Amino acid sequence: MALRFHPHALERLAERGATEAEVQATVDGGERFPARLGRMGFRRNFAFNGTWRGRAYGTKQVEAYAVAEADSWLVITVVVKFF
């Protein structure tokens, strides 16, 4: 399904270390769960094996929160966790 990004989500992508391609992969193939305010959450782990803000991590978890539109998802925000 097509994705559109709210400006807030684009700011969070850059700030939190995710890419639009990772969010697309998360929505397409990640775990799906209901979220607050009628939104849908998507979660997926990616092999990272790199450093983020000076610390080494093996995995990056991307969570995207979106609202369903007629034929697409509007991504509202993105949360990224490293572990």
PDB file of N, CA and C in Angstrom:
ATOM      1  N   MET A   1       0.848  -1.178   0.000  1.00  0.00           N
ATOM      2  CA  MET A   1       0.000   0.000   0.000  1.00  0.00           C
ATOM      3  C   MET A   1       0.893   1.240   0.000  1.00  0.00           C
ATOM      4  N   ALA A   2       0.467   2.264  -0.660  1.00  0.00           N
ATOM      5  CA  ALA A   2       1.255   3.493  -0.759  1.00  0.00           C
ATOM      6  C   ALA A   2       1.328   4.201   0.592  1.00  0.00           C
ATOM      7  N   LEU A   3       2.409   4.934   0.793  1.00  0.00           N
ATOM      8  CA  LEU A   3       2.603   5.712   2.021  1.00  0.00           C
ATOM      9  C   LEU A   3       2.705   7.185   1.689  1.00  0.00           C
ATOM     10  N   ARG A   4       2.167   7.998   2.583  1.00  0.00           N
ATOM     11  CA  ARG A   4       2.407   9.437   2.567  1.00  0.00           C
ATOM     12  C   ARG A   4       2.947   9.771   3.945  1.00  0.00           C
ATOM     13  N   PHE A   5       3.828  10.751   4.005  1.00  0.00           N
ATOM     14  CA  PHE A   5       4.460  11.118   5.269  1.00  0.00           C
ATOM     15  C   PHE A   5       4.012  12.509   5.696  1.00  0.00           C
ATOM     16  N   HIS A   6       3.487  12.588   6.905  1.00  0.00           N
ATOM     17  CA  HIS A   6       3.173  13.882   7.514  1.00  0.00           C
ATOM     18  C   HIS A   6       4.511  14.597   7.756  1.00  0.00           C
ATOM     19  N   PRO A   7       4.565  15.919   7.673  1.00  0.00           N
ATOM     20  CA  PRO A   7       5.834  16.626   7.938  1.00  0.00           C
ATOM     21  C   PRO A   7       6.450  16.262   9.299  1.00  0.00           C
ATOM     22  N   HIS A   8       5.624  16.032  10.295  1.00  0.00           N
ATOM     23  CA  HIS A   8       6.140  15.609  11.611  1.00  0.00           C
ATOM     24  C   HIS A   8       6.905  14.293  11.480  1.00  0.00           C
ATOM     25  N   ALA A   9       6.372  13.353  10.719  1.00  0.00           N
ATOM     26  CA  ALA A   9       7.035  12.051  10.541  1.00  0.00           C
ATOM     27  C   ALA A   9       8.376  12.217   9.827  1.00  0.00           C
ATOM     28  N   LEU A  10       8.433  13.093   8.841  1.00  0.00           N
ATOM     29  CA  LEU A  10       9.700  13.310   8.126  1.00  0.00           C
ATOM     30  C   LEU A  10      10.761  13.900   9.058  1.00  0.00           C
ATOM     31  N   GLU A  11      10.348  14.789   9.946  1.00  0.00           N
ATOM     32  CA  GLU A  11      11.295  15.345  10.920  1.00  0.00           C
ATOM     33  C   GLU A  11      11.788  14.255  11.871  1.00  0.00           C
ATOM     34  N   ARG A  12      10.871  13.388  12.317  1.00  0.00           N
ATOM     35  CA  ARG A  12      11.258  12.331  13.248  1.00  0.00           C
ATOM     36  C   ARG A  12      12.176  11.317  12.578  1.00  0.00           C
ATOM     37  N   LEU A  13      11.968  11.030  11.283  1.00  0.00           N
ATOM     38  CA  LEU A  13      12.844  10.099  10.558  1.00  0.00           C
ATOM     39  C   LEU A  13      14.294  10.543  10.672  1.00  0.00           C
ATOM     40  N   ALA A  14      14.547  11.788  10.332  1.00  0.00           N
ATOM     41  CA  ALA A  14      15.915  12.302  10.341  1.00  0.00           C
ATOM     42  C   ALA A  14      16.470  12.334  11.764  1.00  0.00           C
ATOM     43  N   GLU A  15      15.666  12.752  12.689  1.00  0.00           N
ATOM     44  CA  GLU A  15      16.098  12.888  14.078  1.00  0.00           C
ATOM     45  C   GLU A  15      16.370  11.540  14.738  1.00  0.00           C
ATOM     46  N   ARG A  16      15.628  10.516  14.359  1.00  0.00           N
ATOM     47  CA  ARG A  16      15.688   9.238  15.067  1.00  0.00           C
ATOM     48  C   ARG A  16      16.436   8.140  14.324  1.00  0.00           C
ATOM     49  N   GLY A  17      16.929   8.427  13.118  1.00  0.00           N
ATOM     50  CA  GLY A  17      17.802   7.493  12.429  1.00  0.00           C
ATOM     51  C   GLY A  17      17.129   6.438  11.583  1.00  0.00           C
ATOM     52  N   ALA A  18      15.962   6.717  11.048  1.00  0.00           N
ATOM     53  CA  ALA A  18      15.297   5.775  10.136  1.00  0.00           C
ATOM     54  C   ALA A  18      15.217   6.403   8.739  1.00  0.00           C
ATOM     55  N   THR A  19      14.918   5.559   7.765  1.00  0.00           N
ATOM     56  CA  THR A  19      14.756   6.046   6.392  1.00  0.00           C
ATOM     57  C   THR A  19      13.319   5.781   5.928  1.00  0.00           C
ATOM     58  N   GLU A  20      12.934   6.470   4.874  1.00  0.00           N
ATOM     59  CA  GLU A  20      11.600   6.234   4.307  1.00  0.00           C
ATOM     60  C   GLU A  20      11.481   4.787   3.823  1.00  0.00           C
ATOM     61  N   ALA A  21      12.554   4.225   3.274  1.00  0.00           N
ATOM     62  CA  ALA A  21      12.530   2.832   2.798  1.00  0.00           C
ATOM     63  C   ALA A  21      12.298   1.864   3.961  1.00  0.00           C
ATOM     64  N   GLU A  22      12.908   2.127   5.109  1.00  0.00           N
ATOM     65  CA  GLU A  22      12.690   1.259   6.272  1.00  0.00           C
ATOM     66  C   GLU A  22      11.244   1.352   6.759  1.00  0.00           C
ATOM     67  N   VAL A  23      10.679   2.538   6.726  1.00  0.00           N
ATOM     68  CA  VAL A  23       9.278   2.682   7.137  1.00  0.00           C
ATOM     69  C   VAL A  23       8.371   1.942   6.147  1.00  0.00           C
ATOM     70  N   GLN A  24       8.672   2.048   4.861  1.00  0.00           N
ATOM     71  CA  GLN A  24       7.871   1.327   3.859  1.00  0.00           C
ATOM     72  C   GLN A  24       7.953  -0.177   4.116  1.00  0.00           C
ATOM     73  N   ALA A  25       9.146  -0.696   4.383  1.00  0.00           N
ATOM     74  CA  ALA A  25       9.312  -2.129   4.664  1.00  0.00           C
ATOM     75  C   ALA A  25       8.583  -2.517   5.949  1.00  0.00           C
ATOM     76  N   THR A  26       8.577  -1.625   6.920  1.00  0.00           N
ATOM     77  CA  THR A  26       7.880  -1.889   8.183  1.00  0.00           C
ATOM     78  C   THR A  26       6.375  -1.990   7.958  1.00  0.00           C
ATOM     79  N   VAL A  27       5.824  -1.092   7.179  1.00  0.00           N
ATOM     80  CA  VAL A  27       4.381  -1.119   6.903  1.00  0.00           C
ATOM     81  C   VAL A  27       4.030  -2.330   6.034  1.00  0.00           C
ATOM     82  N   ASP A  28       4.879  -2.630   5.070  1.00  0.00           N
ATOM     83  CA  ASP A  28       4.595  -3.743   4.156  1.00  0.00           C
ATOM     84  C   ASP A  28       4.726  -5.109   4.825  1.00  0.00           C
ATOM     85  N   GLY A  29       5.732  -5.270   5.706  1.00  0.00           N
ATOM     86  CA  GLY A  29       5.980  -6.612   6.214  1.00  0.00           C
ATOM     87  C   GLY A  29       6.158  -6.747   7.710  1.00  0.00           C
ATOM     88  N   GLY A  30       5.934  -5.670   8.426  1.00  0.00           N
ATOM     89  CA  GLY A  30       6.138  -5.710   9.868  1.00  0.00           C
ATOM     90  C   GLY A  30       4.909  -6.161  10.631  1.00  0.00           C
ATOM     91  N   GLU A  31       5.098  -6.288  11.942  1.00  0.00           N
ATOM     92  CA  GLU A  31       3.985  -6.611  12.843  1.00  0.00           C
ATOM     93  C   GLU A  31       3.026  -5.427  12.872  1.00  0.00           C
ATOM     94  N   ARG A  32       1.756  -5.705  12.876  1.00  0.00           N
ATOM     95  CA  ARG A  32       0.732  -4.659  12.899  1.00  0.00           C
ATOM     96  C   ARG A  32      -0.008  -4.727  14.233  1.00  0.00           C
ATOM     97  N   PHE A  33      -0.282  -3.574  14.846  1.00  0.00           N
ATOM     98  CA  PHE A  33      -1.000  -3.549  16.115  1.00  0.00           C
ATOM     99  C   PHE A  33      -1.824  -2.270  16.213  1.00  0.00           C
ATOM    100  N   PRO A  34      -2.976  -2.344  16.905  1.00  0.00           N
ATOM    101  CA  PRO A  34      -3.795  -1.145  17.068  1.00  0.00           C
ATOM    102  C   PRO A  34      -3.100  -0.152  17.996  1.00  0.00           C
ATOM    103  N   ALA A  35      -3.243   1.120  17.692  1.00  0.00           N
ATOM    104  CA  ALA A  35      -2.641   2.179  18.492  1.00  0.00           C
ATOM    105  C   ALA A  35      -3.725   3.157  18.936  1.00  0.00           C
ATOM    106  N   ARG A  36      -3.338   4.103  19.784  1.00  0.00           N
ATOM    107  CA  ARG A  36      -4.304   5.075  20.295  1.00  0.00           C
ATOM    108  C   ARG A  36      -4.875   5.938  19.179  1.00  0.00           C
ATOM    109  N   LEU A  37      -6.007   6.534  19.455  1.00  0.00           N
ATOM    110  CA  LEU A  37      -6.669   7.510  18.583  1.00  0.00           C
ATOM    111  C   LEU A  37      -7.035   6.927  17.216  1.00  0.00           C
ATOM    112  N   GLY A  38      -7.329   5.641  17.175  1.00  0.00           N
ATOM    113  CA  GLY A  38      -7.755   5.021  15.926  1.00  0.00           C
ATOM    114  C   GLY A  38      -6.643   4.795  14.917  1.00  0.00           C
ATOM    115  N   ARG A  39      -5.418   4.913  15.337  1.00  0.00           N
ATOM    116  CA  ARG A  39      -4.282   4.725  14.436  1.00  0.00           C
ATOM    117  C   ARG A  39      -3.857   3.265  14.428  1.00  0.00           C
ATOM    118  N   MET A  40      -3.005   2.943  13.477  1.00  0.00           N
ATOM    119  CA  MET A  40      -2.437   1.604  13.378  1.00  0.00           C
ATOM    120  C   MET A  40      -0.931   1.725  13.583  1.00  0.00           C
ATOM    121  N   GLY A  41      -0.384   0.822  14.373  1.00  0.00           N
ATOM    122  CA  GLY A  41       1.058   0.782  14.565  1.00  0.00           C
ATOM    123  C   GLY A  41       1.667  -0.361  13.776  1.00  0.00           C
ATOM    124  N   PHE A  42       2.881  -0.142  13.323  1.00  0.00           N
ATOM    125  CA  PHE A  42       3.635  -1.155  12.580  1.00  0.00           C
ATOM    126  C   PHE A  42       5.023  -1.238  13.209  1.00  0.00           C
ATOM    127  N   ARG A  43       5.535  -2.450  13.358  1.00  0.00           N
ATOM    128  CA  ARG A  43       6.840  -2.625  14.009  1.00  0.00           C
ATOM    129  C   ARG A  43       7.648  -3.662  13.251  1.00  0.00           C
ATOM    130  N   ARG A  44       8.930  -3.359  13.067  1.00  0.00           N
ATOM    131  CA  ARG A  44       9.816  -4.325  12.407  1.00  0.00           C
ATOM    132  C   ARG A  44      11.250  -4.106  12.885  1.00  0.00           C
ATOM    133  N   ASN A  45      11.957  -5.217  13.080  1.00  0.00           N
ATOM    134  CA  ASN A  45      13.371  -5.157  13.458  1.00  0.00           C
ATOM    135  C   ASN A  45      14.243  -5.294  12.220  1.00  0.00           C
ATOM    136  N   PHE A  46      15.335  -4.531  12.205  1.00  0.00           N
ATOM    137  CA  PHE A  46      16.305  -4.576  11.123  1.00  0.00           C
ATOM    138  C   PHE A  46      17.684  -4.858  11.722  1.00  0.00           C
ATOM    139  N   ALA A  47      18.477  -5.684  11.037  1.00  0.00           N
ATOM    140  CA  ALA A  47      19.875  -5.858  11.454  1.00  0.00           C
ATOM    141  C   ALA A  47      20.570  -4.521  11.277  1.00  0.00           C
ATOM    142  N   PHE A  48      21.294  -4.084  12.284  1.00  0.00           N
ATOM    143  CA  PHE A  48      21.929  -2.771  12.233  1.00  0.00           C
ATOM    144  C   PHE A  48      23.451  -2.897  12.243  1.00  0.00           C
ATOM    145  N   ASN A  49      23.975  -3.524  13.294  1.00  0.00           N
ATOM    146  CA  ASN A  49      25.425  -3.733  13.417  1.00  0.00           C
ATOM    147  C   ASN A  49      26.220  -2.466  13.129  1.00  0.00           C
ATOM    148  N   GLY A  50      25.889  -1.404  13.834  1.00  0.00           N
ATOM    149  CA  GLY A  50      26.567  -0.125  13.646  1.00  0.00           C
ATOM    150  C   GLY A  50      26.511   0.693  14.914  1.00  0.00           C
ATOM    151  N   THR A  51      26.865   1.958  14.789  1.00  0.00           N
ATOM    152  CA  THR A  51      26.834   2.850  15.945  1.00  0.00           C
ATOM    153  C   THR A  51      25.781   3.918  15.743  1.00  0.00           C
ATOM    154  N   TRP A  52      25.124   4.270  16.820  1.00  0.00           N
ATOM    155  CA  TRP A  52      24.152   5.354  16.839  1.00  0.00           C
ATOM    156  C   TRP A  52      24.453   6.219  18.037  1.00  0.00           C
ATOM    157  N   ARG A  53      24.763   7.444  17.779  1.00  0.00           N
ATOM    158  CA  ARG A  53      25.106   8.404  18.830  1.00  0.00           C
ATOM    159  C   ARG A  53      26.199   7.882  19.754  1.00  0.00           C
ATOM    160  N   GLY A  54      27.226   7.294  19.114  1.00  0.00           N
ATOM    161  CA  GLY A  54      28.420   6.886  19.835  1.00  0.00           C
ATOM    162  C   GLY A  54      28.369   5.523  20.506  1.00  0.00           C
ATOM    163  N   ARG A  55      27.268   4.795  20.365  1.00  0.00           N
ATOM    164  CA  ARG A  55      27.157   3.470  20.982  1.00  0.00           C
ATOM    165  C   ARG A  55      26.872   2.434  19.908  1.00  0.00           C
ATOM    166  N   ALA A  56      27.412   1.238  20.114  1.00  0.00           N
ATOM    167  CA  ALA A  56      27.247   0.158  19.144  1.00  0.00           C
ATOM    168  C   ALA A  56      25.967  -0.626  19.433  1.00  0.00           C
ATOM    169  N   TYR A  57      25.230  -0.954  18.366  1.00  0.00           N
ATOM    170  CA  TYR A  57      23.995  -1.734  18.489  1.00  0.00           C
ATOM    171  C   TYR A  57      23.933  -2.755  17.352  1.00  0.00           C
ATOM    172  N   GLY A  58      23.257  -3.848  17.626  1.00  0.00           N
ATOM    173  CA  GLY A  58      23.103  -4.885  16.618  1.00  0.00           C
ATOM    174  C   GLY A  58      21.780  -4.841  15.879  1.00  0.00           C
ATOM    175  N   THR A  59      20.778  -4.241  16.506  1.00  0.00           N
ATOM    176  CA  THR A  59      19.430  -4.248  15.930  1.00  0.00           C
ATOM    177  C   THR A  59      18.816  -2.857  16.006  1.00  0.00           C
ATOM    178  N   LYS A  60      18.075  -2.512  14.971  1.00  0.00           N
ATOM    179  CA  LYS A  60      17.290  -1.275  14.951  1.00  0.00           C
ATOM    180  C   LYS A  60      15.825  -1.661  14.782  1.00  0.00           C
ATOM    181  N   GLN A  61      14.981  -1.177  15.685  1.00  0.00           N
ATOM    182  CA  GLN A  61      13.543  -1.454  15.598  1.00  0.00           C
ATOM    183  C   GLN A  61      12.828  -0.171  15.175  1.00  0.00           C
ATOM    184  N   VAL A  62      12.080  -0.264  14.090  1.00  0.00           N
ATOM    185  CA  VAL A  62      11.329   0.876  13.580  1.00  0.00           C
ATOM    186  C   VAL A  62       9.856   0.664  13.889  1.00  0.00           C
ATOM    187  N   GLU A  63       9.235   1.659  14.501  1.00  0.00           N
ATOM    188  CA  GLU A  63       7.783   1.662  14.729  1.00  0.00           C
ATOM    189  C   GLU A  63       7.205   2.854  13.986  1.00  0.00           C
ATOM    190  N   ALA A  64       6.193   2.607  13.191  1.00  0.00           N
ATOM    191  CA  ALA A  64       5.506   3.673  12.458  1.00  0.00           C
ATOM    192  C   ALA A  64       4.048   3.686  12.888  1.00  0.00           C
ATOM    193  N   TYR A  65       3.530   4.877  13.122  1.00  0.00           N
ATOM    194  CA  TYR A  65       2.121   5.042  13.493  1.00  0.00           C
ATOM    195  C   TYR A  65       1.437   5.791  12.365  1.00  0.00           C
ATOM    196  N   ALA A  66       0.343   5.200  11.854  1.00  0.00           N
ATOM    197  CA  ALA A  66      -0.273   5.731  10.647  1.00  0.00           C
ATOM    198  C   ALA A  66      -1.788   5.704  10.733  1.00  0.00           C
ATOM    199  N   VAL A  67      -2.391   6.495   9.858  1.00  0.00           N
ATOM    200  CA  VAL A  67      -3.840   6.556   9.717  1.00  0.00           C
ATOM    201  C   VAL A  67      -4.181   6.061   8.314  1.00  0.00           C
ATOM    202  N   ALA A  68      -5.180   5.192   8.231  1.00  0.00           N
ATOM    203  CA  ALA A  68      -5.597   4.678   6.927  1.00  0.00           C
ATOM    204  C   ALA A  68      -6.344   5.761   6.160  1.00  0.00           C
ATOM    205  N   GLU A  69      -5.991   5.901   4.882  1.00  0.00           N
ATOM    206  CA  GLU A  69      -6.710   6.793   3.974  1.00  0.00           C
ATOM    207  C   GLU A  69      -7.343   5.915   2.906  1.00  0.00           C
ATOM    208  N   ALA A  70      -7.971   6.504   1.922  1.00  0.00           N
ATOM    209  CA  ALA A  70      -8.696   5.738   0.903  1.00  0.00           C
ATOM    210  C   ALA A  70      -7.839   4.631   0.296  1.00  0.00           C
ATOM    211  N   ASP A  71      -6.658   4.957  -0.178  1.00  0.00           N
ATOM    212  CA  ASP A  71      -5.807   3.953  -0.816  1.00  0.00           C
ATOM    213  C   ASP A  71      -4.354   4.042  -0.365  1.00  0.00           C
ATOM    214  N   SER A  72      -4.135   4.603   0.817  1.00  0.00           N
ATOM    215  CA  SER A  72      -2.768   4.734   1.321  1.00  0.00           C
ATOM    216  C   SER A  72      -2.773   4.855   2.837  1.00  0.00           C
ATOM    217  N   TRP A  73      -1.584   4.871   3.400  1.00  0.00           N
ATOM    218  CA  TRP A  73      -1.393   5.152   4.823  1.00  0.00           C
ATOM    219  C   TRP A  73      -0.724   6.508   4.947  1.00  0.00           C
ATOM    220  N   LEU A  74      -1.217   7.323   5.874  1.00  0.00           N
ATOM    221  CA  LEU A  74      -0.546   8.577   6.212  1.00  0.00           C
ATOM    222  C   LEU A  74       0.250   8.313   7.486  1.00  0.00           C
ATOM    223  N   VAL A  75       1.573   8.318   7.375  1.00  0.00           N
ATOM    224  CA  VAL A  75       2.429   8.066   8.529  1.00  0.00           C
ATOM    225  C   VAL A  75       2.505   9.347   9.356  1.00  0.00           C
ATOM    226  N   ILE A  76       2.094   9.227  10.614  1.00  0.00           N
ATOM    227  CA  ILE A  76       2.037  10.382  11.513  1.00  0.00           C
ATOM    228  C   ILE A  76       3.358  10.586  12.239  1.00  0.00           C
ATOM    229  N   THR A  77       3.929   9.504  12.741  1.00  0.00           N
ATOM    230  CA  THR A  77       5.208   9.612  13.446  1.00  0.00           C
ATOM    231  C   THR A  77       5.954   8.293  13.364  1.00  0.00           C
ATOM    232  N   VAL A  78       7.222   8.362  13.689  1.00  0.00           N
ATOM    233  CA  VAL A  78       8.098   7.193  13.642  1.00  0.00           C
ATOM    234  C   VAL A  78       8.936   7.175  14.924  1.00  0.00           C
ATOM    235  N   VAL A  79       9.039   6.003  15.526  1.00  0.00           N
ATOM    236  CA  VAL A  79       9.861   5.799  16.714  1.00  0.00           C
ATOM    237  C   VAL A  79      10.920   4.755  16.354  1.00  0.00           C
ATOM    238  N   VAL A  80      12.154   5.002  16.743  1.00  0.00           N
ATOM    239  CA  VAL A  80      13.243   4.070  16.446  1.00  0.00           C
ATOM    240  C   VAL A  80      13.925   3.700  17.763  1.00  0.00           C
ATOM    241  N   LYS A  81      14.137   2.404  17.948  1.00  0.00           N
ATOM    242  CA  LYS A  81      14.832   1.900  19.133  1.00  0.00           C
ATOM    243  C   LYS A  81      16.037   1.096  18.667  1.00  0.00           C
ATOM    244  N   PHE A  82      17.139   1.268  19.372  1.00  0.00           N
ATOM    245  CA  PHE A  82      18.359   0.515  19.071  1.00  0.00           C
ATOM    246  C   PHE A  82      18.662  -0.386  20.256  1.00  0.00           C
ATOM    247  N   PHE A  83      19.014  -1.622  19.978  1.00  0.00           N
ATOM    248  CA  PHE A  83      19.405  -2.543  21.040  1.00  0.00           C
ATOM    249  C   PHE A  83      20.307  -3.627  20.493  1.00  0.00           C
TER     250      PHE A  83
END
